[in-house]
Amino acid sequence: MSEPSILLTNDDGIESVGFRALYDALSEFADVTAVAPATDQSAVGRKMSTDAVVTEHELGYALEGTPADCTVAGLEALCPDVDMVVSGINKGANIGAYVLGRSGTVSAAVEAAFFDVPAIALSLYVPAGGDLPWHEKATDPRDFREATHAASYLVKHAEPAGVFDQCDYLNVNAPMRDPSGDPADMQVTVPSELYDMTAEFENGTVKLHDRVWERMRTGDIPDPDGTDRRAVVEGRVSVSPLTAPHTTHRHEALDALAETYLE
């Protein structure tokens, strides 16, 4: 197999630890070109720009734009002949159906699907608890080794195995392994349907709160086996094979409404 060429992007920004860890891991066997946001673009979804200033970077290119911008700019202008788009490694899990549309990491992979280029989105589940808040953890490239191992394996083997004949992109979430722990197993999953957003209106402000993360800390999650959240919380690498275009189905009730529209 010839050396694959990869467009590498993310939403945490080109200088993030997880991005560098993934760049180094993939560069051991692939030709990797970074086309990534110059600054943190977390949770921007598929937001697009009309202009994105490009700066050359030691790893490739830094864009003053979003992850979706990076995919389009890379595939159309900066490195148009790549074999695959890889997005990540995001610090923090991107799990659950309701999260997929919000995530810049996942959105970069979704954008690639419309170019008919296979893609993988990668995120690291950083558990809460202990002396440090979760966002102060995973500061060393070695903390991402479970995710980089999964990424390397899937980049090497998914396309030759025909995985992308049946899906557009893979959403991968890996647990943060204890230094003395064994490597995690991999499980094929579906996105969890758990949704627990709340909103409170007080003194002219609405406070929005995602209770799912608190429930994960206490183990209070109803997700059955086979879902992405259950897999990663229990220490497995979750791989969800997904499609990008919205599905459509024949809808008899809507057909009937359309027929009577002008009556």
C-alpha atoms as a PDB file:
ATOM      1  CA  MET A   1       0.000   0.000   0.000  1.00  0.00           C
ATOM      2  CA  SER A   2       1.361   3.418  -0.943  1.00  0.00           C
ATOM      3  CA  GLU A   3       1.748   6.166   1.623  1.00  0.00           C
ATOM      4  CA  PRO A   4      -1.692   7.749   2.192  1.00  0.00           C
ATOM      5  CA  SER A   5      -2.078  11.524   2.003  1.00  0.00           C
ATOM      6  CA  ILE A   6      -4.109  13.143   4.767  1.00  0.00           C
ATOM      7  CA  LEU A   7      -5.635  16.544   5.350  1.00  0.00           C
ATOM      8  CA  LEU A   8      -5.496  17.004   9.132  1.00  0.00           C
ATOM      9  CA  THR A   9      -7.757  19.525  10.827  1.00  0.00           C
ATOM     10  CA  ASN A  10      -9.514  20.060  14.164  1.00  0.00           C
ATOM     11  CA  ASP A  11     -11.522  22.597  16.153  1.00  0.00           C
ATOM     12  CA  ASP A  12      -9.253  23.126  19.191  1.00  0.00           C
ATOM     13  CA  GLY A  13      -6.767  24.990  17.021  1.00  0.00           C
ATOM     14  CA  ILE A  14      -3.535  24.110  15.275  1.00  0.00           C
ATOM     15  CA  GLU A  15      -1.444  24.664  18.409  1.00  0.00           C
ATOM     16  CA  SER A  16      -3.451  22.271  20.601  1.00  0.00           C
ATOM     17  CA  VAL A  17      -1.749  19.305  22.249  1.00  0.00           C
ATOM     18  CA  GLY A  18      -4.147  16.755  20.779  1.00  0.00           C
ATOM     19  CA  PHE A  19      -3.602  18.063  17.267  1.00  0.00           C
ATOM     20  CA  ARG A  20       0.167  17.769  17.524  1.00  0.00           C
ATOM     21  CA  ALA A  21      -0.104  14.297  19.017  1.00  0.00           C
ATOM     22  CA  LEU A  22      -2.208  13.157  16.073  1.00  0.00           C
ATOM     23  CA  TYR A  23      -0.008  14.881  13.500  1.00  0.00           C
ATOM     24  CA  ASP A  24       3.078  13.132  14.864  1.00  0.00           C
ATOM     25  CA  ALA A  25       1.367   9.730  15.024  1.00  0.00           C
ATOM     26  CA  LEU A  26       0.009   9.852  11.473  1.00  0.00           C
ATOM     27  CA  SER A  27       3.231  11.279  10.054  1.00  0.00           C
ATOM     28  CA  GLU A  28       4.981   8.017  10.916  1.00  0.00           C
ATOM     29  CA  PHE A  29       3.277   6.345   7.953  1.00  0.00           C
ATOM     30  CA  ALA A  30       1.389   9.039   5.997  1.00  0.00           C
ATOM     31  CA  ASP A  31       1.926  12.320   4.173  1.00  0.00           C
ATOM     32  CA  VAL A  32       0.091  14.731   6.463  1.00  0.00           C
ATOM     33  CA  THR A  33      -0.830  18.337   5.664  1.00  0.00           C
ATOM     34  CA  ALA A  34      -2.325  20.427   8.439  1.00  0.00           C
ATOM     35  CA  VAL A  35      -5.134  22.781   7.485  1.00  0.00           C
ATOM     36  CA  ALA A  36      -6.480  23.814  10.857  1.00  0.00           C
ATOM     37  CA  PRO A  37      -7.963  26.818  12.651  1.00  0.00           C
ATOM     38  CA  ALA A  38      -5.446  29.304  13.986  1.00  0.00           C
ATOM     39  CA  THR A  39      -7.481  29.628  17.200  1.00  0.00           C
ATOM     40  CA  ASP A  40      -9.921  27.540  19.216  1.00  0.00           C
ATOM     41  CA  GLN A  41     -13.158  27.029  17.271  1.00  0.00           C
ATOM     42  CA  SER A  42     -14.894  24.564  19.584  1.00  0.00           C
ATOM     43  CA  ALA A  43     -18.642  23.961  19.200  1.00  0.00           C
ATOM     44  CA  VAL A  44     -19.043  26.087  16.061  1.00  0.00           C
ATOM     45  CA  GLY A  45     -20.687  23.246  14.135  1.00  0.00           C
ATOM     46  CA  ARG A  46     -20.589  23.694  10.354  1.00  0.00           C
ATOM     47  CA  LYS A  47     -20.339  27.469  10.490  1.00  0.00           C
ATOM     48  CA  MET A  48     -18.744  28.796   7.309  1.00  0.00           C
ATOM     49  CA  SER A  49     -16.840  31.957   6.410  1.00  0.00           C
ATOM     50  CA  THR A  50     -16.690  33.822   3.124  1.00  0.00           C
ATOM     51  CA  ASP A  51     -13.019  34.730   3.589  1.00  0.00           C
ATOM     52  CA  ALA A  52     -10.407  32.956   5.711  1.00  0.00           C
ATOM     53  CA  VAL A  53      -6.902  34.371   5.974  1.00  0.00           C
ATOM     54  CA  VAL A  54      -4.261  31.665   5.508  1.00  0.00           C
ATOM     55  CA  THR A  55      -0.869  31.641   7.232  1.00  0.00           C
ATOM     56  CA  GLU A  56       1.833  29.112   6.475  1.00  0.00           C
ATOM     57  CA  HIS A  57       2.660  26.944   9.479  1.00  0.00           C
ATOM     58  CA  GLU A  58       5.422  24.410  10.130  1.00  0.00           C
ATOM     59  CA  LEU A  59       2.768  21.667   9.910  1.00  0.00           C
ATOM     60  CA  GLY A  60       0.949  23.103   6.894  1.00  0.00           C
ATOM     61  CA  TYR A  61      -1.547  25.963   7.047  1.00  0.00           C
ATOM     62  CA  ALA A  62      -3.366  27.874   9.781  1.00  0.00           C
ATOM     63  CA  LEU A  63      -6.693  29.473   8.847  1.00  0.00           C
ATOM     64  CA  GLU A  64      -8.522  32.320  10.512  1.00  0.00           C
ATOM     65  CA  GLY A  65     -11.676  30.286  10.122  1.00  0.00           C
ATOM     66  CA  THR A  66     -13.732  27.322  11.213  1.00  0.00           C
ATOM     67  CA  PRO A  67     -13.146  23.567  10.885  1.00  0.00           C
ATOM     68  CA  ALA A  68     -15.614  23.411   7.987  1.00  0.00           C
ATOM     69  CA  ASP A  69     -13.683  26.253   6.322  1.00  0.00           C
ATOM     70  CA  CYS A  70     -10.515  24.215   6.716  1.00  0.00           C
ATOM     71  CA  THR A  71     -11.988  21.173   5.005  1.00  0.00           C
ATOM     72  CA  VAL A  72     -13.288  23.167   2.055  1.00  0.00           C
ATOM     73  CA  ALA A  73     -10.117  25.264   1.753  1.00  0.00           C
ATOM     74  CA  GLY A  74      -7.935  22.196   1.952  1.00  0.00           C
ATOM     75  CA  LEU A  75      -9.850  19.996  -0.486  1.00  0.00           C
ATOM     76  CA  GLU A  76     -10.473  22.798  -2.971  1.00  0.00           C
ATOM     77  CA  ALA A  77      -7.278  24.833  -2.845  1.00  0.00           C
ATOM     78  CA  LEU A  78      -4.491  23.917  -0.441  1.00  0.00           C
ATOM     79  CA  CYS A  79      -4.137  20.118  -0.738  1.00  0.00           C
ATOM     80  CA  PRO A  80      -6.829  18.938  -3.170  1.00  0.00           C
ATOM     81  CA  ASP A  81      -5.503  15.441  -3.858  1.00  0.00           C
ATOM     82  CA  VAL A  82      -5.593  13.914  -0.376  1.00  0.00           C
ATOM     83  CA  ASP A  83      -6.963  10.439   0.278  1.00  0.00           C
ATOM     84  CA  MET A  84      -8.667  11.215   3.573  1.00  0.00           C
ATOM     85  CA  VAL A  85      -9.637  13.967   6.010  1.00  0.00           C
ATOM     86  CA  VAL A  86      -8.860  13.375   9.676  1.00  0.00           C
ATOM     87  CA  SER A  87     -10.193  15.775  12.308  1.00  0.00           C
ATOM     88  CA  GLY A  88      -8.954  15.906  15.894  1.00  0.00           C
ATOM     89  CA  ILE A  89      -7.954  15.002  18.430  1.00  0.00           C
ATOM     90  CA  ASN A  90     -10.572  17.000  20.266  1.00  0.00           C
ATOM     91  CA  LYS A  91      -9.980  17.406  24.008  1.00  0.00           C
ATOM     92  CA  GLY A  92     -13.334  16.231  25.307  1.00  0.00           C
ATOM     93  CA  ALA A  93     -15.721  13.629  23.947  1.00  0.00           C
ATOM     94  CA  ASN A  94     -18.086  14.228  21.035  1.00  0.00           C
ATOM     95  CA  ILE A  95     -20.714  11.631  21.849  1.00  0.00           C
ATOM     96  CA  GLY A  96     -24.483  11.504  21.540  1.00  0.00           C
ATOM     97  CA  ALA A  97     -26.719  12.317  18.606  1.00  0.00           C
ATOM     98  CA  TYR A  98     -27.465  15.814  19.885  1.00  0.00           C
ATOM     99  CA  VAL A  99     -23.758  16.727  19.990  1.00  0.00           C
ATOM    100  CA  LEU A 100     -22.873  15.767  16.428  1.00  0.00           C
ATOM    101  CA  GLY A 101     -24.240  18.907  14.783  1.00  0.00           C
ATOM    102  CA  ARG A 102     -22.620  21.205  17.329  1.00  0.00           C
ATOM    103  CA  SER A 103     -19.124  19.788  17.167  1.00  0.00           C
ATOM    104  CA  GLY A 104     -16.567  21.517  14.993  1.00  0.00           C
ATOM    105  CA  THR A 105     -14.466  18.356  15.036  1.00  0.00           C
ATOM    106  CA  VAL A 106     -17.284  16.252  13.644  1.00  0.00           C
ATOM    107  CA  SER A 107     -18.401  18.996  11.252  1.00  0.00           C
ATOM    108  CA  ALA A 108     -15.028  18.988   9.512  1.00  0.00           C
ATOM    109  CA  ALA A 109     -15.551  15.288   8.763  1.00  0.00           C
ATOM    110  CA  VAL A 110     -19.130  15.879   7.614  1.00  0.00           C
ATOM    111  CA  GLU A 111     -17.938  18.557   5.192  1.00  0.00           C
ATOM    112  CA  ALA A 112     -15.501  16.079   3.655  1.00  0.00           C
ATOM    113  CA  ALA A 113     -18.352  13.696   2.884  1.00  0.00           C
ATOM    114  CA  PHE A 114     -19.828  16.167   0.397  1.00  0.00           C
ATOM    115  CA  PHE A 115     -16.531  16.000  -1.505  1.00  0.00           C
ATOM    116  CA  ASP A 116     -16.793  12.199  -1.479  1.00  0.00           C
ATOM    117  CA  VAL A 117     -13.616  12.011   0.592  1.00  0.00           C
ATOM    118  CA  PRO A 118     -13.606   9.541   3.514  1.00  0.00           C
ATOM    119  CA  ALA A 119     -13.126  11.126   6.914  1.00  0.00           C
ATOM    120  CA  ILE A 120     -12.511  10.306  10.551  1.00  0.00           C
ATOM    121  CA  ALA A 121     -13.354  12.550  13.522  1.00  0.00           C
ATOM    122  CA  LEU A 122     -11.447  11.806  16.724  1.00  0.00           C
ATOM    123  CA  SER A 123     -12.089  12.912  20.286  1.00  0.00           C
ATOM    124  CA  LEU A 124     -10.673  12.066  23.710  1.00  0.00           C
ATOM    125  CA  TYR A 125     -13.018  11.406  26.626  1.00  0.00           C
ATOM    126  CA  VAL A 126     -11.440  13.101  29.649  1.00  0.00           C
ATOM    127  CA  PRO A 127     -13.246  11.925  32.783  1.00  0.00           C
ATOM    128  CA  ALA A 128     -14.058  14.386  35.531  1.00  0.00           C
ATOM    129  CA  GLY A 129     -13.056  13.801  39.126  1.00  0.00           C
ATOM    130  CA  GLY A 130      -9.836  14.006  41.090  1.00  0.00           C
ATOM    131  CA  ASP A 131      -7.891  17.098  42.055  1.00  0.00           C
ATOM    132  CA  LEU A 132      -7.988  18.761  38.626  1.00  0.00           C
ATOM    133  CA  PRO A 133     -10.976  19.926  36.574  1.00  0.00           C
ATOM    134  CA  TRP A 134     -11.319  17.907  33.366  1.00  0.00           C
ATOM    135  CA  HIS A 135     -10.223  20.810  31.157  1.00  0.00           C
ATOM    136  CA  GLU A 136      -6.890  21.033  32.995  1.00  0.00           C
ATOM    137  CA  LYS A 137      -6.117  17.399  32.225  1.00  0.00           C
ATOM    138  CA  ALA A 138      -4.725  15.905  28.985  1.00  0.00           C
ATOM    139  CA  THR A 139      -1.892  18.416  28.668  1.00  0.00           C
ATOM    140  CA  ASP A 140       0.735  15.920  27.487  1.00  0.00           C
ATOM    141  CA  PRO A 141       0.725  14.276  24.041  1.00  0.00           C
ATOM    142  CA  ARG A 142       1.030  10.891  25.775  1.00  0.00           C
ATOM    143  CA  ASP A 143      -2.414  11.437  27.317  1.00  0.00           C
ATOM    144  CA  PHE A 144      -3.863  11.079  23.799  1.00  0.00           C
ATOM    145  CA  ARG A 145      -2.176   7.761  22.993  1.00  0.00           C
ATOM    146  CA  GLU A 146      -5.404   5.727  23.053  1.00  0.00           C
ATOM    147  CA  ALA A 147      -6.886   8.054  20.442  1.00  0.00           C
ATOM    148  CA  THR A 148      -3.736   8.204  18.310  1.00  0.00           C
ATOM    149  CA  HIS A 149      -3.499   4.405  18.319  1.00  0.00           C
ATOM    150  CA  ALA A 150      -7.117   4.093  17.165  1.00  0.00           C
ATOM    151  CA  ALA A 151      -6.582   6.774  14.531  1.00  0.00           C
ATOM    152  CA  SER A 152      -3.510   5.092  13.095  1.00  0.00           C
ATOM    153  CA  TYR A 153      -5.244   1.715  12.956  1.00  0.00           C
ATOM    154  CA  LEU A 154      -8.356   3.075  11.239  1.00  0.00           C
ATOM    155  CA  VAL A 155      -6.477   5.259   8.749  1.00  0.00           C
ATOM    156  CA  LYS A 156      -4.414   2.240   7.716  1.00  0.00           C
ATOM    157  CA  HIS A 157      -7.203  -0.322   7.540  1.00  0.00           C
ATOM    158  CA  ALA A 158     -10.697   1.215   7.224  1.00  0.00           C
ATOM    159  CA  GLU A 159     -10.620   2.152   3.548  1.00  0.00           C
ATOM    160  CA  PRO A 160      -8.910  -1.025   2.272  1.00  0.00           C
ATOM    161  CA  ALA A 161     -11.465  -3.049   4.243  1.00  0.00           C
ATOM    162  CA  GLY A 162     -14.341  -1.305   2.438  1.00  0.00           C
ATOM    163  CA  VAL A 163     -15.651   0.512   5.523  1.00  0.00           C
ATOM    164  CA  PHE A 164     -16.341   3.707   3.586  1.00  0.00           C
ATOM    165  CA  ASP A 165     -18.395   1.841   1.009  1.00  0.00           C
ATOM    166  CA  GLN A 166     -21.124   1.754   3.666  1.00  0.00           C
ATOM    167  CA  CYS A 167     -20.611   5.024   5.533  1.00  0.00           C
ATOM    168  CA  ASP A 168     -19.320   8.534   4.898  1.00  0.00           C
ATOM    169  CA  TYR A 169     -17.281   9.112   8.037  1.00  0.00           C
ATOM    170  CA  LEU A 170     -16.338   7.587  11.368  1.00  0.00           C
ATOM    171  CA  ASN A 171     -16.893   9.350  14.670  1.00  0.00           C
ATOM    172  CA  VAL A 172     -14.320   7.974  17.092  1.00  0.00           C
ATOM    173  CA  ASN A 173     -14.158   8.607  20.841  1.00  0.00           C
ATOM    174  CA  ALA A 174     -11.347   7.130  22.909  1.00  0.00           C
ATOM    175  CA  PRO A 175     -10.944   7.045  26.687  1.00  0.00           C
ATOM    176  CA  MET A 176      -7.929   8.649  28.332  1.00  0.00           C
ATOM    177  CA  ARG A 177      -5.922   5.641  29.453  1.00  0.00           C
ATOM    178  CA  ASP A 178      -4.249   5.412  32.822  1.00  0.00           C
ATOM    179  CA  PRO A 179      -0.455   5.230  32.300  1.00  0.00           C
ATOM    180  CA  SER A 180      -0.393   1.792  33.900  1.00  0.00           C
ATOM    181  CA  GLY A 181      -3.582   0.578  32.219  1.00  0.00           C
ATOM    182  CA  ASP A 182      -4.040  -1.856  29.365  1.00  0.00           C
ATOM    183  CA  PRO A 183      -5.035  -0.700  25.867  1.00  0.00           C
ATOM    184  CA  ALA A 184      -8.772  -0.324  25.332  1.00  0.00           C
ATOM    185  CA  ASP A 185     -10.914  -2.575  23.185  1.00  0.00           C
ATOM    186  CA  MET A 186     -12.731  -1.081  20.183  1.00  0.00           C
ATOM    187  CA  GLN A 187     -16.514  -1.244  19.824  1.00  0.00           C
ATOM    188  CA  VAL A 188     -18.715  -0.279  16.871  1.00  0.00           C
ATOM    189  CA  THR A 189     -21.496   1.930  18.229  1.00  0.00           C
ATOM    190  CA  VAL A 190     -24.470   4.144  17.445  1.00  0.00           C
ATOM    191  CA  PRO A 191     -24.875   7.674  18.841  1.00  0.00           C
ATOM    192  CA  SER A 192     -26.678   7.809  22.165  1.00  0.00           C
ATOM    193  CA  GLU A 193     -30.144   9.380  22.119  1.00  0.00           C
ATOM    194  CA  LEU A 194     -29.880  10.704  25.688  1.00  0.00           C
ATOM    195  CA  TYR A 195     -30.754  14.422  25.818  1.00  0.00           C
ATOM    196  CA  ASP A 196     -30.893  16.405  29.025  1.00  0.00           C
ATOM    197  CA  MET A 197     -30.590  20.116  28.266  1.00  0.00           C
ATOM    198  CA  THR A 198     -32.262  22.510  30.674  1.00  0.00           C
ATOM    199  CA  ALA A 199     -32.942  26.249  30.593  1.00  0.00           C
ATOM    200  CA  GLU A 200     -33.805  28.673  33.382  1.00  0.00           C
ATOM    201  CA  PHE A 201     -34.970  32.239  32.876  1.00  0.00           C
ATOM    202  CA  GLU A 202     -33.940  34.651  35.608  1.00  0.00           C
ATOM    203  CA  ASN A 203     -33.363  38.428  35.670  1.00  0.00           C
ATOM    204  CA  GLY A 204     -33.437  38.802  31.909  1.00  0.00           C
ATOM    205  CA  THR A 205     -31.024  35.935  31.234  1.00  0.00           C
ATOM    206  CA  VAL A 206     -31.636  32.379  30.128  1.00  0.00           C
ATOM    207  CA  LYS A 207     -29.104  29.957  31.555  1.00  0.00           C
ATOM    208  CA  LEU A 208     -28.635  26.874  29.389  1.00  0.00           C
ATOM    209  CA  HIS A 209     -27.209  23.768  30.990  1.00  0.00           C
ATOM    210  CA  ASP A 210     -26.252  20.340  29.661  1.00  0.00           C
ATOM    211  CA  ARG A 211     -26.908  17.873  32.482  1.00  0.00           C
ATOM    212  CA  VAL A 212     -25.590  14.885  30.558  1.00  0.00           C
ATOM    213  CA  TRP A 213     -21.985  15.507  31.654  1.00  0.00           C
ATOM    214  CA  GLU A 214     -22.980  15.567  35.319  1.00  0.00           C
ATOM    215  CA  ARG A 215     -24.852  12.302  34.843  1.00  0.00           C
ATOM    216  CA  MET A 216     -21.763  10.771  33.263  1.00  0.00           C
ATOM    217  CA  ARG A 217     -19.684  11.689  36.325  1.00  0.00           C
ATOM    218  CA  THR A 218     -22.090   9.857  38.625  1.00  0.00           C
ATOM    219  CA  GLY A 219     -22.737   6.929  36.290  1.00  0.00           C
ATOM    220  CA  ASP A 220     -26.400   7.928  35.934  1.00  0.00           C
ATOM    221  CA  ILE A 221     -26.707   7.191  32.225  1.00  0.00           C
ATOM    222  CA  PRO A 222     -29.466   4.996  30.765  1.00  0.00           C
ATOM    223  CA  ASP A 223     -27.577   4.343  27.516  1.00  0.00           C
ATOM    224  CA  PRO A 224     -27.689   0.667  26.557  1.00  0.00           C
ATOM    225  CA  ASP A 225     -24.731  -1.366  25.393  1.00  0.00           C
ATOM    226  CA  GLY A 226     -23.889  -0.500  21.802  1.00  0.00           C
ATOM    227  CA  THR A 227     -24.125   3.273  22.246  1.00  0.00           C
ATOM    228  CA  ASP A 228     -21.136   5.583  21.986  1.00  0.00           C
ATOM    229  CA  ARG A 229     -21.492   7.031  25.474  1.00  0.00           C
ATOM    230  CA  ARG A 230     -21.802   3.671  27.195  1.00  0.00           C
ATOM    231  CA  ALA A 231     -18.735   2.366  25.372  1.00  0.00           C
ATOM    232  CA  VAL A 232     -16.395   5.233  26.189  1.00  0.00           C
ATOM    233  CA  VAL A 233     -17.515   5.625  29.812  1.00  0.00           C
ATOM    234  CA  GLU A 234     -16.796   1.940  30.328  1.00  0.00           C
ATOM    235  CA  GLY A 235     -13.318   2.355  28.856  1.00  0.00           C
ATOM    236  CA  ARG A 236     -13.698   1.238  25.244  1.00  0.00           C
ATOM    237  CA  VAL A 237     -12.894   3.052  22.011  1.00  0.00           C
ATOM    238  CA  SER A 238     -16.217   3.962  20.385  1.00  0.00           C
ATOM    239  CA  VAL A 239     -16.432   3.969  16.580  1.00  0.00           C
ATOM    240  CA  SER A 240     -19.700   5.124  14.998  1.00  0.00           C
ATOM    241  CA  PRO A 241     -20.018   4.707  11.203  1.00  0.00           C
ATOM    242  CA  LEU A 242     -22.194   7.604  10.035  1.00  0.00           C
ATOM    243  CA  THR A 243     -23.585   9.213   6.891  1.00  0.00           C
ATOM    244  CA  ALA A 244     -23.620  12.929   6.194  1.00  0.00           C
ATOM    245  CA  PRO A 245     -26.548  13.882   3.912  1.00  0.00           C
ATOM    246  CA  HIS A 246     -29.934  14.090   5.583  1.00  0.00           C
ATOM    247  CA  THR A 247     -32.036  11.036   4.847  1.00  0.00           C
ATOM    248  CA  THR A 248     -35.429  11.372   3.172  1.00  0.00           C
ATOM    249  CA  HIS A 249     -38.405   9.020   3.188  1.00  0.00           C
ATOM    250  CA  ARG A 250     -41.738   8.964   1.392  1.00  0.00           C
ATOM    251  CA  HIS A 251     -44.265  10.597   3.689  1.00  0.00           C
ATOM    252  CA  GLU A 252     -47.886   9.923   2.763  1.00  0.00           C
ATOM    253  CA  ALA A 253     -49.330  12.467   5.187  1.00  0.00           C
ATOM    254  CA  LEU A 254     -47.161  15.235   3.729  1.00  0.00           C
ATOM    255  CA  ASP A 255     -47.997  14.110   0.184  1.00  0.00           C
ATOM    256  CA  ALA A 256     -51.674  14.561   1.022  1.00  0.00           C
ATOM    257  CA  LEU A 257     -51.078  18.055   2.389  1.00  0.00           C
ATOM    258  CA  ALA A 258     -49.143  19.080  -0.716  1.00  0.00           C
ATOM    259  CA  GLU A 259     -51.946  17.877  -2.963  1.00  0.00           C
ATOM    260  CA  THR A 260     -54.500  20.061  -1.166  1.00  0.00           C
ATOM    261  CA  TYR A 261     -52.255  23.090  -0.833  1.00  0.00           C
ATOM    262  CA  LEU A 262     -54.150  25.328  -3.316  1.00  0.00           C
ATOM    263  CA  GLU A 263     -57.655  24.081  -2.526  1.00  0.00           C
END
